[in-house]
Structures are given as C-alpha cells and as structure tokens.
C-alpha cells in the first residue's frame, strides 16, 4: 500500500534554496560554474534545490536554455537531493508540457505560478483552477503553487485549499505574499491533510513567523543554507530559544539579500568565495551597486558562511 502523504508525513521538507543561473561575461550559460554551484549547495546541507525560479532569472532564458539547464542540473545532482523545477508559463499547454518534460528528466516536483503576463493580463479563478488541473493531469509528481506578488494574482486561502483538496498532485504551497504567516495558518486550517507542504519563501525574511504558523519547508536564496537550515532544525525540535537566537544572528544577511542585493546576492557571494566565475546577471538586468555589494560581503564575513570558504 503506498504511503499517505500529509502535513505530518510530507515527501519533502526543510530547506530547498533557489539555484542561481550562472553566465559567462558575454551572457552565455556557464555550465561549469553551474555544476560547482550545485555541488556547493549540496555540501552546505540543503534538503533539496529549486532551479529556473525567478531568482534563477528564468525570465531571461530561452526555451532551449531551460532544457539544457534542467538536464544538466538533474544529471549532475544525480539523485543526491531532490530537485524542484519551475515550469511557469502563461499558456496551459506549454506549462503542462514543461512539467511533463521536467518529470521525465527526473524532477521531484514542479513549481508553478498562476498564469499572468505583464502588468494587466490576468485570468479568473475558474481558468486558474483548470490551468493547475491540466498540469496535474500531465504528471505524477507534486505541484507547488508559487503564491508571489510578482504574478499580481490574488490567490485566496480558500481557493488554494479547494485546489489542494480537488486537484490530485497539487499539494505544496510557497507563500511569499504580505501576511504570509496568517495565510499559511488559514491554508492549513481549511485544507487539512490536503496541504502536504506549506512553505515559506521570499529569502526567509519572514521565516520564523512562518515556521510558527506551521511551515514545514523554506525556499530561500542559495548562498547560505548552512546558516538557515539550523534555524529550521531547531524550530522543528521545539527549541524556540535556539531558533530565535540563530534567526537573530543571520537576519542581517537575510535582510540584505531581501531588501538590498536581491536576485544577484547569491551569485555575488558565490563569486566572492570562488564557487562561480562570474556574478553578472543577464542583460538588461542591472549590476549590483558596488556599495551594496561591499555591505553584503562585510555582513557575510562576520558570519563566516561556507560559501566564502568552500572553494579554498
């Protein structure tokens, strides 16, 4: 008899950071750096990773590059940790096809934002429901709904809970909207056992409140999982004083990533530590301001994360 997966018995939990996409100076994919990035993150103690997310600059990649990155990452990880592949697309058919391709290459889960385009193109709940239902029909692995401000789409807790109860593979939720902890509590209350994985997002800026609300996983930036994982572990073991002390220690770096450095933070730290060769985003994404980068490295050196010494 197959195992029953619930909030108390999820398939996946813990820290699943976003893997940055690494480029050469000319903007082409740097697959050697990509592999070192994955090796570093696994050595830093991740429970799994997520590729092709927004913090992976997925919006700047061609379809062919997505295929190369998915295949390269899954083959290089080779089952050492589970890999979540982001398959977001406005088109239902394209999203379903991307999800099936990711599954066939070995993805453990797919992460999907609701369909949106630009500042104004949105679809009603009935179409969002059908969008996720068709993606579910195309695969056998779990779907994580990415509930993020970037989509501009309001996904109410009752609607998310109903989808979890009615759509077979839809079971995980990355909540990164304002008031995430309250939404997580309501989602768990309404969805019951259908909510297998309520997760924290947004670079762990609300991690402690979200763990208190029942989050069992966190999708953070990729540069210092060795700092964030002990917070999650202490909280899971019921040591709230230790969880608070650790969160207090790492919060300046978490805050600098979330509010100052943004998407390029992980790559700047990885470049500083010799993990990757180039920290640039893909044009036209602007470079990090030198003073913001200086502040980032100064904070990081005070904390001594593995990223700054892994390649030594």
Protein backbone atom coordinates (compact mmCIF):
# COMPACT_ATOMS: atom_id res chain seq x y z
CA UNK A 1 0.00 0.00 0.00
CA UNK A 2 1.50 3.38 -0.97
CA UNK A 3 2.36 5.84 1.79
CA UNK A 4 -0.18 8.54 2.59
CA UNK A 5 1.45 11.94 2.37
CA UNK A 6 0.13 14.61 4.72
CA UNK A 7 1.32 17.69 6.59
CA UNK A 8 2.68 15.34 9.28
CA UNK A 9 4.22 12.98 6.71
CA UNK A 10 5.35 15.07 3.73
CA UNK A 11 7.53 13.81 0.95
CA UNK A 12 9.72 16.90 1.15
CA UNK A 13 10.52 19.32 3.96
CA UNK A 14 13.37 21.53 5.16
CA UNK A 15 15.41 23.96 3.09
CA UNK A 16 15.18 23.93 -0.72
CA UNK A 17 17.04 27.06 -1.87
CA UNK A 18 16.84 28.56 -5.33
CA UNK A 19 19.83 27.80 -7.56
CA UNK A 20 21.10 30.88 -9.42
CA UNK A 21 21.72 30.55 -13.15
CA UNK A 22 25.36 31.23 -13.93
CA UNK A 23 26.54 33.09 -17.02
CA UNK A 24 29.83 33.95 -18.67
CA UNK A 25 30.67 37.64 -19.04
CA UNK A 26 29.17 37.56 -22.54
CA UNK A 27 25.84 36.32 -21.18
CA UNK A 28 26.08 32.72 -22.37
CA UNK A 29 25.43 29.86 -19.95
CA UNK A 30 28.41 28.84 -17.80
CA UNK A 31 27.66 25.18 -17.15
CA UNK A 32 30.92 24.52 -15.30
CA UNK A 33 30.05 27.19 -12.75
CA UNK A 34 26.51 25.84 -12.66
CA UNK A 35 27.78 22.43 -11.59
CA UNK A 36 30.07 23.91 -8.93
CA UNK A 37 27.14 25.95 -7.64
CA UNK A 38 25.08 22.78 -7.23
CA UNK A 39 27.95 20.94 -5.54
CA UNK A 40 28.44 23.81 -3.09
CA UNK A 41 24.74 23.96 -2.20
CA UNK A 42 24.61 20.22 -1.55
CA UNK A 43 27.76 20.44 0.60
CA UNK A 44 26.13 23.33 2.51
CA UNK A 45 23.40 21.00 3.72
CA UNK A 46 20.34 21.64 1.57
CA UNK A 47 17.44 19.20 1.73
CA UNK A 48 16.86 19.88 -1.97
CA UNK A 49 17.13 22.66 -4.54
CA UNK A 50 14.91 24.56 -6.95
CA UNK A 51 16.03 25.54 -10.44
CA UNK A 52 14.63 28.00 -13.00
CA UNK A 53 12.87 30.15 -10.40
CA UNK A 54 12.61 33.94 -10.60
CA UNK A 55 15.81 34.21 -8.54
CA UNK A 56 17.33 31.97 -11.22
CA UNK A 57 16.48 34.68 -13.78
CA UNK A 58 14.16 32.24 -15.55
CA UNK A 59 12.50 35.18 -17.31
CA UNK A 60 15.70 35.83 -19.30
CA UNK A 61 16.19 32.26 -20.56
CA UNK A 62 15.23 30.77 -23.90
CA UNK A 63 13.30 27.50 -24.08
CA UNK A 64 16.42 25.76 -25.38
CA UNK A 65 18.48 27.08 -22.46
CA UNK A 66 15.82 25.92 -20.00
CA UNK A 67 16.08 22.41 -21.41
CA UNK A 68 19.88 22.46 -21.17
CA UNK A 69 19.82 23.75 -17.59
CA UNK A 70 17.20 21.25 -16.48
CA UNK A 71 19.02 18.30 -18.00
CA UNK A 72 22.46 19.46 -16.84
CA UNK A 73 21.29 20.12 -13.29
CA UNK A 74 19.38 16.87 -12.87
CA UNK A 75 22.16 14.78 -14.37
CA UNK A 76 24.80 16.48 -12.21
CA UNK A 77 22.81 16.26 -8.99
CA UNK A 78 22.21 12.60 -9.86
CA UNK A 79 19.74 11.99 -7.08
CA UNK A 80 21.88 13.39 -4.26
CA UNK A 81 19.00 15.68 -3.29
CA UNK A 82 15.51 16.23 -4.74
CA UNK A 83 15.25 18.92 -7.43
CA UNK A 84 12.22 21.16 -7.93
CA UNK A 85 11.92 22.56 -11.46
CA UNK A 86 9.98 25.76 -12.06
CA UNK A 87 7.74 25.31 -15.11
CA UNK A 88 5.72 28.52 -15.00
CA UNK A 89 4.24 29.76 -18.27
CA UNK A 90 1.11 31.71 -19.16
CA UNK A 91 -0.06 29.04 -21.58
CA UNK A 92 -1.73 25.99 -20.03
CA UNK A 93 -0.46 23.59 -22.68
CA UNK A 94 3.09 24.90 -22.54
CA UNK A 95 3.14 24.72 -18.73
CA UNK A 96 1.84 21.14 -18.80
CA UNK A 97 4.43 20.14 -21.41
CA UNK A 98 7.24 21.79 -19.46
CA UNK A 99 6.07 19.98 -16.32
CA UNK A 100 5.95 16.59 -18.02
CA UNK A 101 9.41 17.13 -19.54
CA UNK A 102 10.82 18.06 -16.12
CA UNK A 103 9.29 14.96 -14.58
CA UNK A 104 10.69 12.76 -17.33
CA UNK A 105 14.17 14.17 -16.73
CA UNK A 106 13.96 13.35 -13.02
CA UNK A 107 12.40 16.34 -11.24
CA UNK A 108 10.96 15.58 -7.80
CA UNK A 109 8.40 18.39 -8.02
CA UNK A 110 7.41 21.29 -10.26
CA UNK A 111 6.75 24.84 -9.06
CA UNK A 112 4.18 26.89 -10.98
CA UNK A 113 2.96 30.46 -10.63
CA UNK A 114 -0.59 31.25 -11.73
CA UNK A 115 -0.90 32.44 -15.35
CA UNK A 116 -0.12 36.13 -15.82
CA UNK A 117 1.58 38.43 -18.28
CA UNK A 118 2.82 41.95 -17.80
CA UNK A 119 1.06 44.39 -15.53
CA UNK A 120 -2.52 43.72 -16.54
CA UNK A 121 -3.06 40.30 -18.14
CA UNK A 122 -4.80 38.12 -15.52
CA UNK A 123 -7.32 35.28 -15.69
CA UNK A 124 -10.29 34.43 -13.41
CA UNK A 125 -10.26 31.71 -10.76
CA UNK A 126 -12.08 29.21 -12.95
CA UNK A 127 -9.30 29.36 -15.54
CA UNK A 128 -6.58 29.26 -12.87
CA UNK A 129 -8.18 26.12 -11.45
CA UNK A 130 -8.27 24.50 -14.89
CA UNK A 131 -4.68 25.59 -15.56
CA UNK A 132 -3.41 23.74 -12.48
CA UNK A 133 -5.73 20.77 -13.05
CA UNK A 134 -4.37 20.23 -16.56
CA UNK A 135 -0.80 20.49 -15.31
CA UNK A 136 -1.64 17.88 -12.69
CA UNK A 137 -3.17 15.58 -15.30
CA UNK A 138 0.10 15.67 -17.26
CA UNK A 139 2.35 14.44 -14.43
CA UNK A 140 2.65 12.12 -11.43
CA UNK A 141 4.88 14.30 -9.21
CA UNK A 142 3.74 17.04 -6.81
CA UNK A 143 2.95 20.59 -7.87
CA UNK A 144 3.98 23.55 -5.72
CA UNK A 145 1.87 26.68 -6.20
CA UNK A 146 4.07 29.76 -6.05
CA UNK A 147 1.95 32.46 -4.43
CA UNK A 148 4.11 35.51 -5.11
CA UNK A 149 3.45 39.23 -5.60
CA UNK A 150 5.25 39.06 -8.96
CA UNK A 151 2.22 37.45 -10.58
CA UNK A 152 -0.16 40.19 -9.44
CA UNK A 153 -2.75 37.43 -8.95
CA UNK A 154 -4.65 37.13 -5.69
CA UNK A 155 -4.90 33.51 -4.62
CA UNK A 156 -7.13 33.32 -1.56
CA UNK A 157 -6.56 30.70 1.11
CA UNK A 158 -9.99 29.14 0.49
CA UNK A 159 -9.26 28.85 -3.24
CA UNK A 160 -5.82 27.31 -2.64
CA UNK A 161 -7.30 24.87 -0.12
CA UNK A 162 -10.02 23.84 -2.57
CA UNK A 163 -7.48 23.20 -5.31
CA UNK A 164 -5.41 21.11 -2.92
CA UNK A 165 -8.43 19.02 -2.00
CA UNK A 166 -9.64 18.54 -5.58
CA UNK A 167 -6.54 18.50 -7.83
CA UNK A 168 -4.62 15.28 -7.41
CA UNK A 169 -0.98 16.38 -7.48
CA UNK A 170 -1.36 19.91 -6.13
CA UNK A 171 -0.04 19.63 -2.59
CA UNK A 172 2.70 22.20 -1.89
CA UNK A 173 2.46 25.97 -1.47
CA UNK A 174 5.22 28.56 -1.41
CA UNK A 175 3.62 31.56 0.28
CA UNK A 176 5.55 34.81 -0.15
CA UNK A 177 2.85 37.48 -0.08
CA UNK A 178 2.44 40.06 2.71
CA UNK A 179 0.96 38.44 5.79
CA UNK A 180 2.38 35.06 4.83
CA UNK A 181 2.11 33.58 8.33
CA UNK A 182 -1.60 34.36 8.62
CA UNK A 183 -2.22 32.93 5.17
CA UNK A 184 -0.30 29.76 6.00
CA UNK A 185 -2.38 29.26 9.14
CA UNK A 186 -5.62 29.72 7.23
CA UNK A 187 -4.49 27.46 4.41
CA UNK A 188 -3.62 24.67 6.86
CA UNK A 189 -6.89 25.14 8.75
CA UNK A 190 -9.01 25.00 5.60
CA UNK A 191 -7.08 22.40 3.63
CA UNK A 192 -6.33 19.84 6.32
CA UNK A 193 -4.37 16.81 5.14
CA UNK A 194 -4.51 18.02 1.53
CA UNK A 195 -1.91 20.66 2.45
CA UNK A 196 1.15 18.41 2.39
CA UNK A 197 3.73 21.17 2.18
CA UNK A 198 3.07 24.73 3.40
CA UNK A 199 6.35 26.55 2.75
CA UNK A 200 8.00 29.86 3.49
CA UNK A 201 9.54 31.90 0.67
CA UNK A 202 10.91 35.38 -0.04
CA UNK A 203 14.50 34.70 1.04
CA UNK A 204 13.46 33.75 4.62
CA UNK A 205 12.64 37.33 5.59
CA UNK A 206 9.53 36.02 7.41
CA UNK A 207 10.94 32.56 8.21
CA UNK A 208 10.44 32.46 11.98
CA UNK A 209 6.84 33.70 11.84
CA UNK A 210 6.08 31.26 9.03
CA UNK A 211 7.57 28.33 10.95
CA UNK A 212 5.43 29.33 13.94
CA UNK A 213 2.42 29.27 11.58
CA UNK A 214 3.14 25.69 10.52
CA UNK A 215 5.50 25.97 7.55
CA UNK A 216 7.45 22.76 7.02
CA UNK A 217 9.77 23.98 4.28
CA UNK A 218 11.56 27.09 3.12
CA UNK A 219 12.67 28.20 -0.32
CA UNK A 220 15.38 30.77 0.24
CA UNK A 221 18.29 32.27 -1.64
CA UNK A 222 21.04 29.82 -2.47
CA UNK A 223 24.16 31.27 -0.85
CA UNK A 224 23.95 30.40 2.84
CA UNK A 225 21.75 27.39 3.53
CA UNK A 226 24.25 26.36 6.21
CA UNK A 227 23.06 29.39 8.17
CA UNK A 228 19.34 28.95 7.63
CA UNK A 229 18.96 25.19 7.98
CA UNK A 230 19.87 25.16 11.70
CA UNK A 231 17.05 27.65 12.35
CA UNK A 232 14.55 25.28 10.75
CA UNK A 233 16.01 22.28 12.58
CA UNK A 234 15.94 23.98 15.99
CA UNK A 235 12.34 25.05 15.45
CA UNK A 236 11.32 21.54 14.34
CA UNK A 237 12.88 20.12 17.52
CA UNK A 238 10.94 22.58 19.65
CA UNK A 239 13.97 24.61 20.76
CA UNK A 240 12.42 28.02 20.21
CA UNK A 241 15.13 29.93 22.08
CA UNK A 242 17.81 28.45 19.82
CA UNK A 243 15.71 29.08 16.70
CA UNK A 244 15.25 32.70 17.75
CA UNK A 245 18.94 33.19 18.55
CA UNK A 246 20.04 31.71 15.23
CA UNK A 247 17.50 33.73 13.27
CA UNK A 248 18.60 36.87 15.08
CA UNK A 249 22.21 36.12 14.12
CA UNK A 250 21.54 35.54 10.41
CA UNK A 251 18.80 38.14 9.93
CA UNK A 252 21.15 40.98 8.81
CA UNK A 253 22.31 38.84 5.88
CA UNK A 254 18.78 37.60 5.11
CA UNK A 255 17.56 41.19 5.19
CA UNK A 256 20.38 42.43 2.94
CA UNK A 257 19.51 39.83 0.34
CA UNK A 258 15.77 40.51 0.52
CA UNK A 259 15.89 44.29 0.66
CA UNK A 260 19.21 45.34 -0.92
CA UNK A 261 21.04 42.81 -3.09
CA UNK A 262 18.07 40.89 -4.45
CA UNK A 263 18.48 38.39 -7.27
CA UNK A 264 22.24 38.88 -7.62
CA UNK A 265 23.03 38.26 -3.93
CA UNK A 266 23.73 34.54 -4.17
CA UNK A 267 25.94 34.97 -7.21
CA UNK A 268 27.92 37.81 -5.60
CA UNK A 269 28.65 35.66 -2.55
CA UNK A 270 29.48 32.64 -4.71
CA UNK A 271 31.83 34.72 -6.85
CA UNK A 272 33.50 36.20 -3.76
CA UNK A 273 34.09 32.70 -2.44
CA UNK A 274 35.35 31.29 -5.74
CA UNK A 275 32.39 28.96 -6.30
CA UNK A 276 31.48 30.52 -9.66
CA UNK A 277 33.43 32.51 -12.23
CA UNK A 278 31.04 35.40 -12.94
CA UNK A 279 28.35 37.04 -10.83
CA UNK A 280 26.67 39.07 -13.56
CA UNK A 281 23.02 38.80 -14.33
CA UNK A 282 21.87 38.61 -17.91
CA UNK A 283 21.48 41.94 -19.70
CA UNK A 284 19.46 44.12 -19.25
CA UNK A 285 19.40 43.21 -15.56
CA UNK A 286 21.48 45.90 -13.81
CA UNK A 287 24.60 45.07 -11.83
CA UNK A 288 24.55 45.30 -8.05
CA UNK A 289 25.73 48.70 -6.80
CA UNK A 290 29.33 48.40 -5.56
CA UNK A 291 28.43 49.79 -2.13
CA UNK A 292 25.54 47.34 -1.77
CA UNK A 293 27.94 44.55 -2.67
CA UNK A 294 30.53 45.83 -0.20
CA UNK A 295 27.92 45.83 2.55
CA UNK A 296 26.85 42.32 1.60
CA UNK A 297 30.35 40.91 1.80
CA UNK A 298 31.04 42.72 5.08
CA UNK A 299 27.96 41.20 6.71
CA UNK A 300 28.76 37.77 5.31
CA UNK A 301 32.34 37.80 6.55
CA UNK A 302 31.11 38.44 10.10
CA UNK A 303 29.01 35.25 9.84
CA UNK A 304 31.57 33.08 8.00
CA UNK A 305 29.18 31.11 5.78
CA UNK A 306 30.54 28.14 3.85
CA UNK A 307 30.12 29.99 0.55
CA UNK A 308 33.14 32.19 1.34
CA UNK A 309 35.48 29.24 2.03
CA UNK A 310 34.06 26.25 0.10
CA UNK A 311 36.40 26.65 -2.88
CA UNK A 312 39.58 27.11 -0.84
